Amino acid sequence: MRTDDLSEAELDVIGQCLRAAVDGPVLPDWEFHGLIGLDRVEVAVVAEEWPSTSSKSRQDLAVGNVLNNLPVGMKCGILQAS
């Protein structure tokens, strides 16, 4: 993902989404890898390095799949409002 074209606010939102995917209850462990294509630890590395990266392909996969699947998990009620 070309991060140099993104604003600071956009970078921050993507970073928050990566952290929510790793730390939040939205994507259950049993389907995390199936939805994201990486395990939770690999996405945690991407989130920690964001917006830098040690693996462009891993970052692209994590960001694309988190942004596509995080809202789905929320819409399907996996995340319960308190």
Protein backbone atom coordinates (compact mmCIF):
# COMPACT_ATOMS: atom_id res chain seq x y z
CA MET A 1 0.00 0.00 0.00
CA ARG A 2 1.35 3.40 -0.90
CA THR A 3 1.23 5.25 2.36
CA ASP A 4 2.88 8.41 1.05
CA ASP A 5 -0.39 9.38 -0.68
CA LEU A 6 -2.38 9.20 2.57
CA SER A 7 -3.02 12.01 5.01
CA GLU A 8 -2.01 11.74 8.67
CA ALA A 9 -5.69 11.26 9.56
CA GLU A 10 -6.04 8.40 7.05
CA LEU A 11 -2.87 6.74 8.34
CA ASP A 12 -4.22 7.04 11.88
CA VAL A 13 -7.57 5.45 10.96
CA ILE A 14 -5.88 2.51 9.26
CA GLY A 15 -3.59 2.05 12.26
CA GLN A 16 -6.60 2.07 14.57
CA CYS A 17 -8.35 -0.53 12.38
CA LEU A 18 -5.29 -2.79 12.45
CA ARG A 19 -5.13 -2.54 16.24
CA ALA A 20 -8.88 -3.14 16.57
CA ALA A 21 -8.59 -6.27 14.46
CA VAL A 22 -5.77 -7.58 16.65
CA ASP A 23 -7.01 -6.48 20.08
CA GLY A 24 -10.77 -6.28 19.71
CA PRO A 25 -13.55 -8.85 19.81
CA VAL A 26 -14.71 -8.20 16.24
CA LEU A 27 -12.81 -11.00 14.50
CA PRO A 28 -12.91 -14.26 16.49
CA ASP A 29 -9.76 -16.38 16.72
CA TRP A 30 -11.37 -19.32 14.95
CA GLU A 31 -11.90 -17.32 11.74
CA PHE A 32 -9.22 -14.64 11.96
CA HIS A 33 -6.78 -16.31 9.56
CA GLY A 34 -9.55 -17.27 7.15
CA LEU A 35 -10.74 -13.66 6.88
CA ILE A 36 -7.42 -11.83 7.01
CA GLY A 37 -5.04 -14.35 5.43
CA LEU A 38 -2.57 -13.85 8.27
CA ASP A 39 -2.65 -14.90 11.90
CA ARG A 40 -3.26 -12.42 14.70
CA VAL A 41 0.45 -12.22 15.60
CA GLU A 42 1.41 -11.33 12.02
CA VAL A 43 -1.21 -8.56 11.91
CA ALA A 44 0.03 -7.34 15.30
CA VAL A 45 3.49 -6.91 13.74
CA VAL A 46 1.96 -4.92 10.87
CA ALA A 47 0.05 -2.75 13.36
CA GLU A 48 3.18 -2.18 15.46
CA GLU A 49 5.25 -1.15 12.44
CA TRP A 50 2.48 0.92 10.79
CA PRO A 51 2.93 2.89 8.58
CA SER A 52 6.47 1.53 8.08
CA THR A 53 6.87 -2.12 7.22
CA SER A 54 9.40 -4.92 7.10
CA SER A 55 7.18 -6.84 4.65
CA LYS A 56 5.27 -4.93 1.98
CA SER A 57 3.29 -8.00 0.90
CA ARG A 58 2.25 -8.78 4.49
CA GLN A 59 1.25 -5.15 5.06
CA ASP A 60 -0.80 -5.04 1.84
CA LEU A 61 -2.61 -8.25 2.76
CA ALA A 62 -3.29 -7.17 6.34
CA VAL A 63 -4.51 -3.67 5.51
CA GLY A 64 -6.71 -4.72 2.61
CA ASN A 65 -8.34 -7.60 4.44
CA VAL A 66 -8.76 -5.77 7.75
CA LEU A 67 -10.45 -2.83 6.02
CA ASN A 68 -12.73 -5.24 4.14
CA ASN A 69 -13.60 -7.55 7.03
CA LEU A 70 -13.63 -5.37 10.14
CA PRO A 71 -16.93 -3.69 9.16
CA VAL A 72 -18.43 -7.07 8.22
CA GLY A 73 -17.67 -8.47 11.66
CA MET A 74 -19.29 -5.44 13.26
CA LYS A 75 -22.37 -5.59 11.00
CA CYS A 76 -22.90 -9.32 11.61
CA GLY A 77 -23.12 -8.68 15.33
CA ILE A 78 -19.85 -10.30 16.29
CA LEU A 79 -19.13 -7.10 18.13
CA GLN A 80 -21.83 -6.57 20.72
CA ALA A 81 -22.53 -3.01 21.73
CA SER A 82 -22.29 -2.43 25.47
